[in-house]
C-alpha atoms as a PDB file:
ATOM      1  CA  MET A   1       0.000   0.000   0.000  1.00  0.00           C
ATOM      2  CA  GLN A   2       1.414   3.362  -1.041  1.00  0.00           C
ATOM      3  CA  ILE A   3       0.849   6.651   0.785  1.00  0.00           C
ATOM      4  CA  THR A   4      -1.361   8.625  -1.586  1.00  0.00           C
ATOM      5  CA  PRO A   5      -2.909  11.990  -0.649  1.00  0.00           C
ATOM      6  CA  GLU A   6      -6.197  10.142  -0.036  1.00  0.00           C
ATOM      7  CA  ILE A   7      -4.544   7.577   2.275  1.00  0.00           C
ATOM      8  CA  SER A   8      -2.697  10.335   4.139  1.00  0.00           C
ATOM      9  CA  ALA A   9      -5.943  12.282   4.633  1.00  0.00           C
ATOM     10  CA  LYS A  10      -7.718   9.136   5.847  1.00  0.00           C
ATOM     11  CA  ILE A  11      -5.022   8.446   8.444  1.00  0.00           C
ATOM     12  CA  LYS A  12      -5.171  12.054   9.615  1.00  0.00           C
ATOM     13  CA  PHE A  13      -8.965  11.944   9.805  1.00  0.00           C
ATOM     14  CA  LEU A  14      -8.910   8.754  11.901  1.00  0.00           C
ATOM     15  CA  ARG A  15      -6.561  10.081  14.588  1.00  0.00           C
ATOM     16  CA  LEU A  16      -9.170  11.714  16.811  1.00  0.00           C
ATOM     17  CA  PRO A  17     -11.930   9.063  16.461  1.00  0.00           C
ATOM     18  CA  LEU A  18      -9.402   6.375  17.391  1.00  0.00           C
ATOM     19  CA  ILE A  19      -8.334   8.255  20.517  1.00  0.00           C
ATOM     20  CA  ILE A  20     -11.959   8.839  21.513  1.00  0.00           C
ATOM     21  CA  GLY A  21     -12.348   5.079  21.127  1.00  0.00           C
ATOM     22  CA  ILE A  22      -9.679   4.654  23.816  1.00  0.00           C
ATOM     23  CA  VAL A  23     -11.598   7.122  25.996  1.00  0.00           C
ATOM     24  CA  THR A  24     -14.698   4.902  25.703  1.00  0.00           C
ATOM     25  CA  LEU A  25     -12.649   1.985  27.063  1.00  0.00           C
ATOM     26  CA  HIS A  26     -11.383   3.857  30.113  1.00  0.00           C
ATOM     27  CA  SER A  27     -14.684   5.596  30.893  1.00  0.00           C
ATOM     28  CA  THR A  28     -16.511   2.406  31.883  1.00  0.00           C
ATOM     29  CA  ILE A  29     -17.857   2.344  35.445  1.00  0.00           C
ATOM     30  CA  ASN A  30     -19.202  -0.347  37.742  1.00  0.00           C
ATOM     31  CA  SER A  31     -22.426  -1.811  36.382  1.00  0.00           C
ATOM     32  CA  VAL A  32     -25.474  -2.657  38.464  1.00  0.00           C
ATOM     33  CA  GLY A  33     -27.232  -4.935  35.987  1.00  0.00           C
ATOM     34  CA  TYR A  34     -26.994  -6.713  32.665  1.00  0.00           C
ATOM     35  CA  ALA A  35     -28.438  -3.847  30.600  1.00  0.00           C
ATOM     36  CA  ASP A  36     -25.900  -1.191  31.607  1.00  0.00           C
ATOM     37  CA  LYS A  37     -23.020  -3.674  31.452  1.00  0.00           C
ATOM     38  CA  PHE A  38     -23.959  -4.701  27.908  1.00  0.00           C
ATOM     39  CA  PHE A  39     -24.396  -1.036  26.928  1.00  0.00           C
ATOM     40  CA  GLN A  40     -20.948  -0.022  28.166  1.00  0.00           C
ATOM     41  CA  THR A  41     -19.273  -3.147  26.847  1.00  0.00           C
ATOM     42  CA  PHE A  42     -20.764  -2.876  23.376  1.00  0.00           C
ATOM     43  CA  ILE A  43     -19.698   0.762  22.959  1.00  0.00           C
ATOM     44  CA  SER A  44     -16.221   0.281  24.388  1.00  0.00           C
ATOM     45  CA  GLU A  45     -15.587  -3.031  22.622  1.00  0.00           C
ATOM     46  CA  THR A  46     -16.957  -1.859  19.267  1.00  0.00           C
ATOM     47  CA  TRP A  47     -15.466   1.623  19.174  1.00  0.00           C
ATOM     48  CA  GLY A  48     -12.476   1.278  21.445  1.00  0.00           C
ATOM     49  CA  GLY A  49     -11.678  -2.425  21.263  1.00  0.00           C
ATOM     50  CA  SER A  50      -9.891  -2.268  17.926  1.00  0.00           C
ATOM     51  CA  ALA A  51      -8.562   1.281  18.288  1.00  0.00           C
ATOM     52  CA  VAL A  52      -5.249   0.317  19.923  1.00  0.00           C
ATOM     53  CA  PRO A  53      -4.520  -2.537  17.453  1.00  0.00           C
ATOM     54  CA  PHE A  54      -5.283  -0.181  14.574  1.00  0.00           C
ATOM     55  CA  LEU A  55      -2.948   2.472  16.007  1.00  0.00           C
ATOM     56  CA  PHE A  56      -0.175  -0.119  16.217  1.00  0.00           C
ATOM     57  CA  ILE A  57      -0.764  -1.019  12.556  1.00  0.00           C
ATOM     58  CA  ILE A  58      -0.547   2.623  11.482  1.00  0.00           C
ATOM     59  CA  SER A  59       2.578   3.159  13.626  1.00  0.00           C
ATOM     60  CA  GLY A  60       4.259   0.126  12.094  1.00  0.00           C
ATOM     61  CA  PHE A  61       3.274   1.049   8.558  1.00  0.00           C
ATOM     62  CA  LEU A  62       4.478   4.660   8.834  1.00  0.00           C
ATOM     63  CA  PHE A  63       7.718   3.581  10.513  1.00  0.00           C
ATOM     64  CA  PHE A  64       8.745   0.932   7.984  1.00  0.00           C
ATOM     65  CA  ARG A  65       7.588   2.539   4.741  1.00  0.00           C
ATOM     66  CA  ASN A  66      10.890   4.447   4.487  1.00  0.00           C
ATOM     67  CA  PHE A  67      13.169   2.421   6.754  1.00  0.00           C
ATOM     68  CA  ASN A  68      16.077   0.175   5.811  1.00  0.00           C
ATOM     69  CA  LEU A  69      18.734  -1.772   7.682  1.00  0.00           C
ATOM     70  CA  SER A  70      21.488   0.833   7.378  1.00  0.00           C
ATOM     71  CA  LEU A  71      22.911   2.293  10.565  1.00  0.00           C
ATOM     72  CA  ASN A  72      22.157   5.844   9.413  1.00  0.00           C
ATOM     73  CA  SER A  73      18.502   5.008   8.789  1.00  0.00           C
ATOM     74  CA  TYR A  74      18.204   3.320  12.182  1.00  0.00           C
ATOM     75  CA  LEU A  75      19.829   6.196  14.078  1.00  0.00           C
ATOM     76  CA  GLU A  76      17.666   8.696  12.225  1.00  0.00           C
ATOM     77  CA  LYS A  77      14.533   6.812  13.265  1.00  0.00           C
ATOM     78  CA  LEU A  78      15.715   6.631  16.881  1.00  0.00           C
ATOM     79  CA  LYS A  79      16.402  10.364  16.893  1.00  0.00           C
ATOM     80  CA  SER A  80      12.960  11.106  15.492  1.00  0.00           C
ATOM     81  CA  ARG A  81      11.161   8.814  17.962  1.00  0.00           C
ATOM     82  CA  PHE A  82      13.141  10.299  20.860  1.00  0.00           C
ATOM     83  CA  TRP A  83      11.122  13.491  20.419  1.00  0.00           C
ATOM     84  CA  THR A  84       7.817  11.994  19.289  1.00  0.00           C
ATOM     85  CA  LEU A  85       7.667   9.113  21.798  1.00  0.00           C
ATOM     86  CA  LEU A  86      10.193   9.201  24.647  1.00  0.00           C
ATOM     87  CA  VAL A  87       9.950  12.892  25.590  1.00  0.00           C
ATOM     88  CA  PRO A  88       6.109  12.909  25.793  1.00  0.00           C
ATOM     89  CA  TYR A  89       6.198   9.546  27.592  1.00  0.00           C
ATOM     90  CA  LEU A  90       8.515  10.832  30.321  1.00  0.00           C
ATOM     91  CA  PHE A  91       6.731  14.180  30.617  1.00  0.00           C
ATOM     92  CA  TRP A  92       3.235  12.776  31.140  1.00  0.00           C
ATOM     93  CA  ASN A  93       4.297  10.055  33.555  1.00  0.00           C
ATOM     94  CA  LEU A  94       6.377  12.484  35.615  1.00  0.00           C
ATOM     95  CA  ALA A  95       3.457  14.931  35.549  1.00  0.00           C
ATOM     96  CA  VAL A  96       1.113  12.286  36.974  1.00  0.00           C
ATOM     97  CA  VAL A  97       3.682  11.360  39.659  1.00  0.00           C
ATOM     98  CA  ALA A  98       3.973  15.022  40.636  1.00  0.00           C
ATOM     99  CA  LEU A  99       0.188  15.493  40.673  1.00  0.00           C
ATOM    100  CA  VAL A 100      -0.372  12.419  42.835  1.00  0.00           C
ATOM    101  CA  LEU A 101       2.338  13.498  45.303  1.00  0.00           C
ATOM    102  CA  ILE A 102       0.887  16.993  45.602  1.00  0.00           C
ATOM    103  CA  VAL A 103      -2.663  15.755  46.176  1.00  0.00           C
ATOM    104  CA  LEU A 104      -1.495  13.097  48.647  1.00  0.00           C
ATOM    105  CA  ASN A 105       0.380  15.639  50.753  1.00  0.00           C
ATOM    106  CA  ILE A 106      -2.522  18.063  51.103  1.00  0.00           C
ATOM    107  CA  PRO A 107      -4.690  16.842  54.026  1.00  0.00           C
ATOM    108  CA  ALA A 108      -7.922  18.079  52.459  1.00  0.00           C
ATOM    109  CA  THR A 109      -7.338  16.156  49.210  1.00  0.00           C
ATOM    110  CA  THR A 110      -5.509  13.009  50.367  1.00  0.00           C
ATOM    111  CA  SER A 111      -8.666  10.904  50.183  1.00  0.00           C
ATOM    112  CA  LEU A 112      -9.050  11.698  46.485  1.00  0.00           C
ATOM    113  CA  ILE A 113      -6.090   9.482  45.576  1.00  0.00           C
ATOM    114  CA  GLN A 114      -7.260   5.894  45.484  1.00  0.00           C
ATOM    115  CA  GLY A 115      -6.704   2.711  43.516  1.00  0.00           C
ATOM    116  CA  HIS A 116      -3.628   2.208  41.407  1.00  0.00           C
ATOM    117  CA  TYR A 117      -2.355   5.790  41.786  1.00  0.00           C
ATOM    118  CA  LYS A 118      -1.945   5.345  45.542  1.00  0.00           C
ATOM    119  CA  GLU A 119      -0.442   1.873  45.151  1.00  0.00           C
ATOM    120  CA  TYR A 120       2.213   3.114  42.717  1.00  0.00           C
ATOM    121  CA  ILE A 121       3.539   5.749  45.101  1.00  0.00           C
ATOM    122  CA  GLY A 122       3.741   3.193  47.923  1.00  0.00           C
ATOM    123  CA  ASP A 123       6.653   3.811  50.257  1.00  0.00           C
ATOM    124  CA  TYR A 124       8.316   6.518  48.122  1.00  0.00           C
ATOM    125  CA  SER A 125      11.172   4.130  47.302  1.00  0.00           C
ATOM    126  CA  PHE A 126      13.362   4.416  44.219  1.00  0.00           C
ATOM    127  CA  ALA A 127      12.048   1.046  42.997  1.00  0.00           C
ATOM    128  CA  ASN A 128       8.476   2.360  43.136  1.00  0.00           C
ATOM    129  CA  PHE A 129       9.543   5.487  41.263  1.00  0.00           C
ATOM    130  CA  ILE A 130      11.067   3.383  38.456  1.00  0.00           C
ATOM    131  CA  ASP A 131       7.910   1.276  38.413  1.00  0.00           C
ATOM    132  CA  CYS A 132       5.877   4.473  38.043  1.00  0.00           C
ATOM    133  CA  LEU A 133       7.865   5.318  34.927  1.00  0.00           C
ATOM    134  CA  THR A 134       8.158   1.879  33.360  1.00  0.00           C
ATOM    135  CA  GLY A 135       5.677  -0.523  34.956  1.00  0.00           C
ATOM    136  CA  TYR A 136       8.423  -3.145  35.185  1.00  0.00           C
ATOM    137  CA  ARG A 137       6.725  -4.713  38.223  1.00  0.00           C
ATOM    138  CA  SER A 138       3.082  -3.766  37.882  1.00  0.00           C
ATOM    139  CA  GLY A 139       2.858  -4.061  34.103  1.00  0.00           C
ATOM    140  CA  TYR A 140       1.823  -0.441  33.481  1.00  0.00           C
ATOM    141  CA  PRO A 141       3.417   2.967  34.121  1.00  0.00           C
ATOM    142  CA  ILE A 142       1.558   5.271  36.527  1.00  0.00           C
ATOM    143  CA  ALA A 143      -0.067   6.957  33.505  1.00  0.00           C
ATOM    144  CA  TYR A 144      -1.304   3.492  32.642  1.00  0.00           C
ATOM    145  CA  HIS A 145      -2.611   4.327  29.173  1.00  0.00           C
ATOM    146  CA  PHE A 146       0.982   5.112  28.156  1.00  0.00           C
ATOM    147  CA  TRP A 147       1.762   1.396  28.049  1.00  0.00           C
ATOM    148  CA  TYR A 148       1.051   1.764  24.338  1.00  0.00           C
ATOM    149  CA  VAL A 149       3.818   4.368  23.920  1.00  0.00           C
ATOM    150  CA  ARG A 150       6.187   2.367  26.147  1.00  0.00           C
ATOM    151  CA  ASP A 151       5.707  -0.760  24.046  1.00  0.00           C
ATOM    152  CA  LEU A 152       6.052   1.267  20.865  1.00  0.00           C
ATOM    153  CA  ILE A 153       9.419   2.589  22.090  1.00  0.00           C
ATOM    154  CA  ALA A 154      10.593  -0.971  22.733  1.00  0.00           C
ATOM    155  CA  MET A 155       9.501  -2.083  19.252  1.00  0.00           C
ATOM    156  CA  VAL A 156      11.220   0.891  17.626  1.00  0.00           C
ATOM    157  CA  ILE A 157      14.453  -0.201  19.307  1.00  0.00           C
ATOM    158  CA  LEU A 158      13.893  -3.725  17.970  1.00  0.00           C
ATOM    159  CA  SER A 159      12.782  -2.495  14.534  1.00  0.00           C
ATOM    160  CA  PRO A 160      15.683  -4.129  12.603  1.00  0.00           C
ATOM    161  CA  VAL A 161      14.478  -7.498  13.900  1.00  0.00           C
ATOM    162  CA  PHE A 162      10.925  -6.801  12.704  1.00  0.00           C
ATOM    163  CA  LEU A 163      12.238  -5.751   9.297  1.00  0.00           C
ATOM    164  CA  LEU A 164      14.431  -8.836   8.893  1.00  0.00           C
ATOM    165  CA  VAL A 165      11.554 -11.141   9.799  1.00  0.00           C
ATOM    166  CA  ALA A 166       9.202  -9.318   7.409  1.00  0.00           C
ATOM    167  CA  ARG A 167      11.705  -9.764   4.584  1.00  0.00           C
ATOM    168  CA  LYS A 168      12.824 -13.344   5.238  1.00  0.00           C
ATOM    169  CA  ILE A 169       9.883 -15.209   6.806  1.00  0.00           C
ATOM    170  CA  SER A 170       7.070 -12.696   6.419  1.00  0.00           C
ATOM    171  CA  TYR A 171       3.943 -14.776   7.009  1.00  0.00           C
ATOM    172  CA  LEU A 172       5.603 -17.330   9.263  1.00  0.00           C
ATOM    173  CA  GLY A 173       6.739 -14.405  11.396  1.00  0.00           C
ATOM    174  CA  LEU A 174       3.154 -13.181  11.615  1.00  0.00           C
ATOM    175  CA  ALA A 175       1.953 -16.645  12.654  1.00  0.00           C
ATOM    176  CA  LEU A 176       4.657 -16.854  15.336  1.00  0.00           C
ATOM    177  CA  LEU A 177       3.326 -13.636  16.865  1.00  0.00           C
ATOM    178  CA  VAL A 178      -0.406 -14.251  16.426  1.00  0.00           C
ATOM    179  CA  ALA A 179      -0.324 -17.722  17.997  1.00  0.00           C
ATOM    180  CA  PRO A 180       0.943 -16.698  21.466  1.00  0.00           C
ATOM    181  CA  TRP A 181      -1.358 -13.653  21.400  1.00  0.00           C
ATOM    182  CA  LEU A 182      -4.506 -15.670  20.763  1.00  0.00           C
ATOM    183  CA  LEU A 183      -3.417 -18.499  23.055  1.00  0.00           C
ATOM    184  CA  GLN A 184      -2.287 -16.123  25.847  1.00  0.00           C
ATOM    185  CA  LEU A 185       1.136 -17.719  26.078  1.00  0.00           C
ATOM    186  CA  LYS A 186       3.688 -16.279  28.509  1.00  0.00           C
ATOM    187  CA  LEU A 187       7.462 -16.378  28.297  1.00  0.00           C
ATOM    188  CA  GLY A 188       8.584 -17.152  31.829  1.00  0.00           C
ATOM    189  CA  PHE A 189       8.986 -14.002  33.896  1.00  0.00           C
ATOM    190  CA  ILE A 190       8.611 -11.682  30.890  1.00  0.00           C
ATOM    191  CA  ASN A 191       5.134 -10.181  30.695  1.00  0.00           C
ATOM    192  CA  ILE A 192       4.553  -9.393  27.027  1.00  0.00           C
ATOM    193  CA  TYR A 193       1.420  -7.644  25.757  1.00  0.00           C
ATOM    194  CA  TRP A 194       1.349  -9.471  22.449  1.00  0.00           C
ATOM    195  CA  VAL A 195      -1.178  -7.122  20.882  1.00  0.00           C
ATOM    196  CA  GLY A 196       1.594  -4.567  20.282  1.00  0.00           C
ATOM    197  CA  PRO A 197       4.090  -6.819  18.461  1.00  0.00           C
ATOM    198  CA  VAL A 198       1.313  -8.512  16.466  1.00  0.00           C
ATOM    199  CA  PHE A 199      -0.207  -5.378  14.988  1.00  0.00           C
ATOM    200  CA  PHE A 200       3.020  -3.364  14.775  1.00  0.00           C
ATOM    201  CA  TYR A 201       4.482  -6.229  12.750  1.00  0.00           C
ATOM    202  CA  LEU A 202       1.337  -6.329  10.617  1.00  0.00           C
ATOM    203  CA  GLY A 203       1.898  -2.657   9.787  1.00  0.00           C
ATOM    204  CA  CYS A 204       5.524  -3.499   9.005  1.00  0.00           C
ATOM    205  CA  LEU A 205       4.379  -6.318   6.726  1.00  0.00           C
ATOM    206  CA  ILE A 206       1.979  -4.045   4.832  1.00  0.00           C
ATOM    207  CA  ALA A 207       4.795  -1.546   4.232  1.00  0.00           C
ATOM    208  CA  VAL A 208       7.588  -4.009   3.396  1.00  0.00           C
ATOM    209  CA  GLN A 209       5.553  -6.378   1.233  1.00  0.00           C
ATOM    210  CA  LYS A 210       3.548  -3.504  -0.287  1.00  0.00           C
ATOM    211  CA  LEU A 211       0.339  -5.408   0.313  1.00  0.00           C
ATOM    212  CA  ASP A 212      -2.652  -4.417  -1.785  1.00  0.00           C
ATOM    213  CA  LEU A 213      -5.550  -3.600   0.545  1.00  0.00           C
ATOM    214  CA  THR A 214      -7.979  -2.309  -2.066  1.00  0.00           C
ATOM    215  CA  TRP A 215     -10.017  -5.509  -1.646  1.00  0.00           C
ATOM    216  CA  LEU A 216     -11.180  -4.109   1.693  1.00  0.00           C
ATOM    217  CA  ASN A 217     -13.053  -1.345  -0.104  1.00  0.00           C
ATOM    218  CA  ARG A 218     -14.858  -3.857  -2.288  1.00  0.00           C
ATOM    219  CA  GLN A 219     -16.020  -5.855   0.746  1.00  0.00           C
ATOM    220  CA  LYS A 220     -16.632  -2.996   3.175  1.00  0.00           C
ATOM    221  CA  LYS A 221     -20.304  -3.729   3.853  1.00  0.00           C
ATOM    222  CA  ILE A 222     -19.599  -7.377   4.625  1.00  0.00           C
ATOM    223  CA  ILE A 223     -16.623  -6.507   6.859  1.00  0.00           C
ATOM    224  CA  ILE A 224     -18.485  -3.824   8.825  1.00  0.00           C
ATOM    225  CA  GLY A 225     -21.550  -6.051   9.211  1.00  0.00           C
ATOM    226  CA  LEU A 226     -19.427  -8.982  10.377  1.00  0.00           C
ATOM    227  CA  TYR A 227     -17.604  -6.803  12.895  1.00  0.00           C
ATOM    228  CA  LEU A 228     -20.815  -5.431  14.399  1.00  0.00           C
ATOM    229  CA  ALA A 229     -22.211  -8.946  14.717  1.00  0.00           C
ATOM    230  CA  MET A 230     -19.010 -10.163  16.381  1.00  0.00           C
ATOM    231  CA  ALA A 231     -19.021  -7.136  18.700  1.00  0.00           C
ATOM    232  CA  VAL A 232     -22.575  -7.944  19.820  1.00  0.00           C
ATOM    233  CA  VAL A 233     -21.612 -11.557  20.565  1.00  0.00           C
ATOM    234  CA  LEU A 234     -18.480 -10.390  22.402  1.00  0.00           C
ATOM    235  CA  ALA A 235     -20.504  -7.953  24.511  1.00  0.00           C
ATOM    236  CA  ILE A 236     -22.980 -10.713  25.370  1.00  0.00           C
ATOM    237  CA  MET A 237     -20.142 -13.034  26.371  1.00  0.00           C
ATOM    238  CA  ARG A 238     -18.570 -10.425  28.637  1.00  0.00           C
ATOM    239  CA  THR A 239     -21.927  -9.349  30.097  1.00  0.00           C
ATOM    240  CA  PHE A 240     -22.915 -12.851  31.120  1.00  0.00           C
ATOM    241  CA  GLY A 241     -19.405 -14.007  32.028  1.00  0.00           C
ATOM    242  CA  ILE A 242     -19.057 -16.614  29.289  1.00  0.00           C
ATOM    243  CA  GLU A 243     -15.391 -17.568  29.469  1.00  0.00           C
ATOM    244  CA  ALA A 244     -15.200 -20.460  26.995  1.00  0.00           C
ATOM    245  CA  PHE A 245     -13.146 -19.295  23.982  1.00  0.00           C
ATOM    246  CA  PHE A 246     -13.682 -15.661  25.054  1.00  0.00           C
ATOM    247  CA  TYR A 247     -10.097 -14.495  24.583  1.00  0.00           C
ATOM    248  CA  LEU A 248      -9.759 -16.288  21.244  1.00  0.00           C
ATOM    249  CA  PHE A 249     -13.008 -14.767  19.989  1.00  0.00           C
ATOM    250  CA  GLN A 250     -11.999 -11.348  21.298  1.00  0.00           C
ATOM    251  CA  GLY A 251      -8.728 -11.556  19.372  1.00  0.00           C
ATOM    252  CA  CYS A 252     -10.522 -12.497  16.155  1.00  0.00           C
ATOM    253  CA  THR A 253     -12.921  -9.602  16.722  1.00  0.00           C
ATOM    254  CA  ARG A 254      -9.977  -7.218  17.062  1.00  0.00           C
ATOM    255  CA  ILE A 255      -8.541  -8.394  13.739  1.00  0.00           C
ATOM    256  CA  VAL A 256     -11.832  -7.914  11.904  1.00  0.00           C
ATOM    257  CA  GLY A 257     -12.265  -4.627  13.778  1.00  0.00           C
ATOM    258  CA  THR A 258      -9.100  -3.105  12.352  1.00  0.00           C
ATOM    259  CA  MET A 259     -10.387  -3.836   8.857  1.00  0.00           C
ATOM    260  CA  ALA A 260     -13.825  -2.455   9.736  1.00  0.00           C
ATOM    261  CA  ILE A 261     -12.323   0.814  11.005  1.00  0.00           C
ATOM    262  CA  TRP A 262     -10.543   1.327   7.698  1.00  0.00           C
ATOM    263  CA  CYS A 263     -13.705   0.561   5.751  1.00  0.00           C
ATOM    264  CA  ALA A 264     -16.012   2.662   7.943  1.00  0.00           C
ATOM    265  CA  SER A 265     -13.820   5.742   7.551  1.00  0.00           C
ATOM    266  CA  ASP A 266     -14.984   5.987   3.924  1.00  0.00           C
ATOM    267  CA  LEU A 267     -18.592   6.296   5.056  1.00  0.00           C
ATOM    268  CA  ILE A 268     -18.028   9.446   7.109  1.00  0.00           C
ATOM    269  CA  ALA A 269     -18.111  12.709   5.203  1.00  0.00           C
ATOM    270  CA  GLY A 270     -19.322  16.281   5.440  1.00  0.00           C
ATOM    271  CA  LYS A 271     -19.096  18.356   8.624  1.00  0.00           C
ATOM    272  CA  LEU A 272     -18.109  15.477  10.878  1.00  0.00           C
ATOM    273  CA  GLN A 273     -15.156  14.609   8.661  1.00  0.00           C
ATOM    274  CA  LYS A 274     -14.106  18.262   8.561  1.00  0.00           C
ATOM    275  CA  VAL A 275     -14.273  18.545  12.359  1.00  0.00           C
ATOM    276  CA  CYS A 276     -12.142  15.413  12.809  1.00  0.00           C
ATOM    277  CA  LEU A 277      -9.557  16.710  10.350  1.00  0.00           C
ATOM    278  CA  ASN A 278      -9.436  20.144  12.002  1.00  0.00           C
ATOM    279  CA  LEU A 279      -9.028  18.656  15.487  1.00  0.00           C
ATOM    280  CA  SER A 280      -6.621  15.864  14.521  1.00  0.00           C
ATOM    281  CA  GLY A 281      -3.689  17.868  15.872  1.00  0.00           C
ATOM    282  CA  LEU A 282      -5.221  17.596  19.358  1.00  0.00           C
ATOM    283  CA  ALA A 283      -5.606  13.812  19.263  1.00  0.00           C
ATOM    284  CA  PHE A 284      -2.395  12.988  21.129  1.00  0.00           C
ATOM    285  CA  PHE A 285      -3.156  15.554  23.823  1.00  0.00           C
ATOM    286  CA  VAL A 286      -6.597  13.998  24.355  1.00  0.00           C
ATOM    287  CA  TYR A 287      -4.915  10.602  24.584  1.00  0.00           C
ATOM    288  CA  ALA A 288      -2.331  11.854  27.066  1.00  0.00           C
ATOM    289  CA  ALA A 289      -4.620  13.952  29.280  1.00  0.00           C
ATOM    290  CA  HIS A 290      -7.807  11.871  29.331  1.00  0.00           C
ATOM    291  CA  GLU A 291      -6.364  10.244  32.425  1.00  0.00           C
ATOM    292  CA  PRO A 292      -6.554  11.288  35.229  1.00  0.00           C
ATOM    293  CA  THR A 293      -9.352  13.491  33.825  1.00  0.00           C
ATOM    294  CA  ILE A 294     -11.643  10.463  33.553  1.00  0.00           C
ATOM    295  CA  THR A 295     -10.800   9.369  37.099  1.00  0.00           C
ATOM    296  CA  ALA A 296     -11.747  12.834  38.388  1.00  0.00           C
ATOM    297  CA  PHE A 297     -15.136  12.707  36.658  1.00  0.00           C
ATOM    298  CA  LYS A 298     -15.744   9.165  37.910  1.00  0.00           C
ATOM    299  CA  GLU A 299     -15.107  10.366  41.458  1.00  0.00           C
ATOM    300  CA  ILE A 300     -17.528  13.263  41.011  1.00  0.00           C
ATOM    301  CA  PHE A 301     -20.346  11.130  39.624  1.00  0.00           C
ATOM    302  CA  GLU A 302     -19.785   8.446  42.238  1.00  0.00           C
ATOM    303  CA  ARG A 303     -20.277  11.004  45.008  1.00  0.00           C
ATOM    304  CA  LEU A 304     -23.336  12.484  43.315  1.00  0.00           C
ATOM    305  CA  SER A 305     -25.048   9.149  42.778  1.00  0.00           C
ATOM    306  CA  LYS A 306     -25.424   7.164  45.993  1.00  0.00           C
ATOM    307  CA  ASN A 307     -27.927   4.610  44.688  1.00  0.00           C
ATOM    308  CA  PRO A 308     -27.367   4.240  40.942  1.00  0.00           C
ATOM    309  CA  ASN A 309     -29.651   2.196  38.705  1.00  0.00           C
ATOM    310  CA  TRP A 310     -28.985   0.855  35.224  1.00  0.00           C
ATOM    311  CA  ILE A 311     -30.244   4.069  33.583  1.00  0.00           C
ATOM    312  CA  THR A 312     -28.070   6.395  35.658  1.00  0.00           C
ATOM    313  CA  VAL A 313     -25.043   4.173  35.066  1.00  0.00           C
ATOM    314  CA  MET A 314     -25.490   4.441  31.281  1.00  0.00           C
ATOM    315  CA  VAL A 315     -26.036   8.198  31.492  1.00  0.00           C
ATOM    316  CA  HIS A 316     -22.991   8.675  33.714  1.00  0.00           C
ATOM    317  CA  TYR A 317     -20.856   6.577  31.375  1.00  0.00           C
ATOM    318  CA  LEU A 318     -21.818   8.719  28.387  1.00  0.00           C
ATOM    319  CA  LEU A 319     -21.317  11.917  30.379  1.00  0.00           C
ATOM    320  CA  ILE A 320     -17.877  10.865  31.617  1.00  0.00           C
ATOM    321  CA  LEU A 321     -16.540  10.004  28.165  1.00  0.00           C
ATOM    322  CA  THR A 322     -18.126  13.119  26.633  1.00  0.00           C
ATOM    323  CA  LEU A 323     -16.908  15.530  29.321  1.00  0.00           C
ATOM    324  CA  ALA A 324     -13.422  14.020  29.405  1.00  0.00           C
ATOM    325  CA  THR A 325     -13.148  14.403  25.633  1.00  0.00           C
ATOM    326  CA  LEU A 326     -14.466  17.986  25.600  1.00  0.00           C
ATOM    327  CA  VAL A 327     -12.346  19.129  28.546  1.00  0.00           C
ATOM    328  CA  THR A 328      -9.129  17.714  27.102  1.00  0.00           C
ATOM    329  CA  LEU A 329      -9.936  19.131  23.665  1.00  0.00           C
ATOM    330  CA  ALA A 330     -10.522  22.559  25.217  1.00  0.00           C
ATOM    331  CA  ALA A 331      -7.348  22.402  27.327  1.00  0.00           C
ATOM    332  CA  GLY A 332      -5.332  21.226  24.350  1.00  0.00           C
ATOM    333  CA  SER A 333      -6.715  24.024  22.165  1.00  0.00           C
ATOM    334  CA  LEU A 334      -5.700  26.645  24.729  1.00  0.00           C
ATOM    335  CA  LEU A 335      -2.191  25.237  25.078  1.00  0.00           C
ATOM    336  CA  GLN A 336      -1.826  24.928  21.323  1.00  0.00           C
ATOM    337  CA  ARG A 337      -2.855  28.543  20.878  1.00  0.00           C
ATOM    338  CA  TYR A 338      -1.029  30.273  23.735  1.00  0.00           C
ATOM    339  CA  THR A 339       2.000  27.994  24.342  1.00  0.00           C
ATOM    340  CA  PRO A 340       2.609  26.364  20.951  1.00  0.00           C
ATOM    341  CA  LYS A 341       6.230  25.326  21.632  1.00  0.00           C
ATOM    342  CA  PHE A 342       5.321  23.676  24.928  1.00  0.00           C
ATOM    343  CA  PHE A 343       2.352  21.971  23.277  1.00  0.00           C
ATOM    344  CA  GLN A 344       4.587  20.638  20.525  1.00  0.00           C
ATOM    345  CA  LEU A 345       7.064  19.314  23.090  1.00  0.00           C
ATOM    346  CA  ILE A 346       4.555  17.382  25.219  1.00  0.00           C
ATOM    347  CA  THR A 347       2.693  15.945  22.222  1.00  0.00           C
ATOM    348  CA  GLY A 348       5.723  14.921  20.187  1.00  0.00           C
ATOM    349  CA  ALA A 349       5.242  17.712  17.636  1.00  0.00           C
ATOM    350  CA  ARG A 350       1.871  16.302  16.594  1.00  0.00           C
ATOM    351  CA  GLY A 351      -0.077  19.552  16.825  1.00  0.00           C
END
């Protein structure tokens, strides 16, 4: 697949909807019945479930489309990703550490810090601090949604390996990654989130092998329909706690979902498309700042609603994801306008 102006515009258009998909995943709250659990699960699984895999595909494709095995090319890529990945990663995780420490040390606000934020700080040891930044013990950094960026950094470092595999044993390499992902295999003490390597490599494969994906456009109705049907079944399985083959089916749904996202983007036009294109420069900021913004809104709605029912849970879920998106968009717009250099720094020059 070659980067044409149409493909480039489609990728740019998808940036914000994909990030909002991640917001739908993190906005879910405790359910009180089957109806509200299915409602939240269907939205988050359909919209957000395939967002991260798709982002890995795009990252892999854009990285490898002009990358070769020369030392100069490799160092140039590392230099570029230092500013677009590592600097924002360190900034946002350190910012969350600082915020948590400040709130914890103010008597009136100490009780606001609960859950994983409080656990990460722990005894203020150096080991806990490193865990906050890397998640080497807990699995996630303190800004937990940045596991995606952390894993992307690791794969960028290992990019020559991905490229060699894509050139020498392209489809066998894909099978060797997909199998442990779908089967939930673990490699001893190493905790690998296989979704990253699988879809990053798939993006690499599309770029290196120049795969023709035009067949997706010819089958878009079938692909979108299949994905929606699979998403309904997946939501039912999660709602009623059906564990048999759940992870395998979820993985298959993610694969079909990445294709459905690409197909569905052609169906959106007019004002909505224009808005997404105009706000695409804010997508990374929304991704970075939606937590702990979501946690703050969850705390507010939890205190306002003492005896929630299935209707209030659904309303609160929609309000949380909507408010978190709008607040981060507004904050990002202000920073982009009044402190453009700072905004560029903390978003990896994506504004």
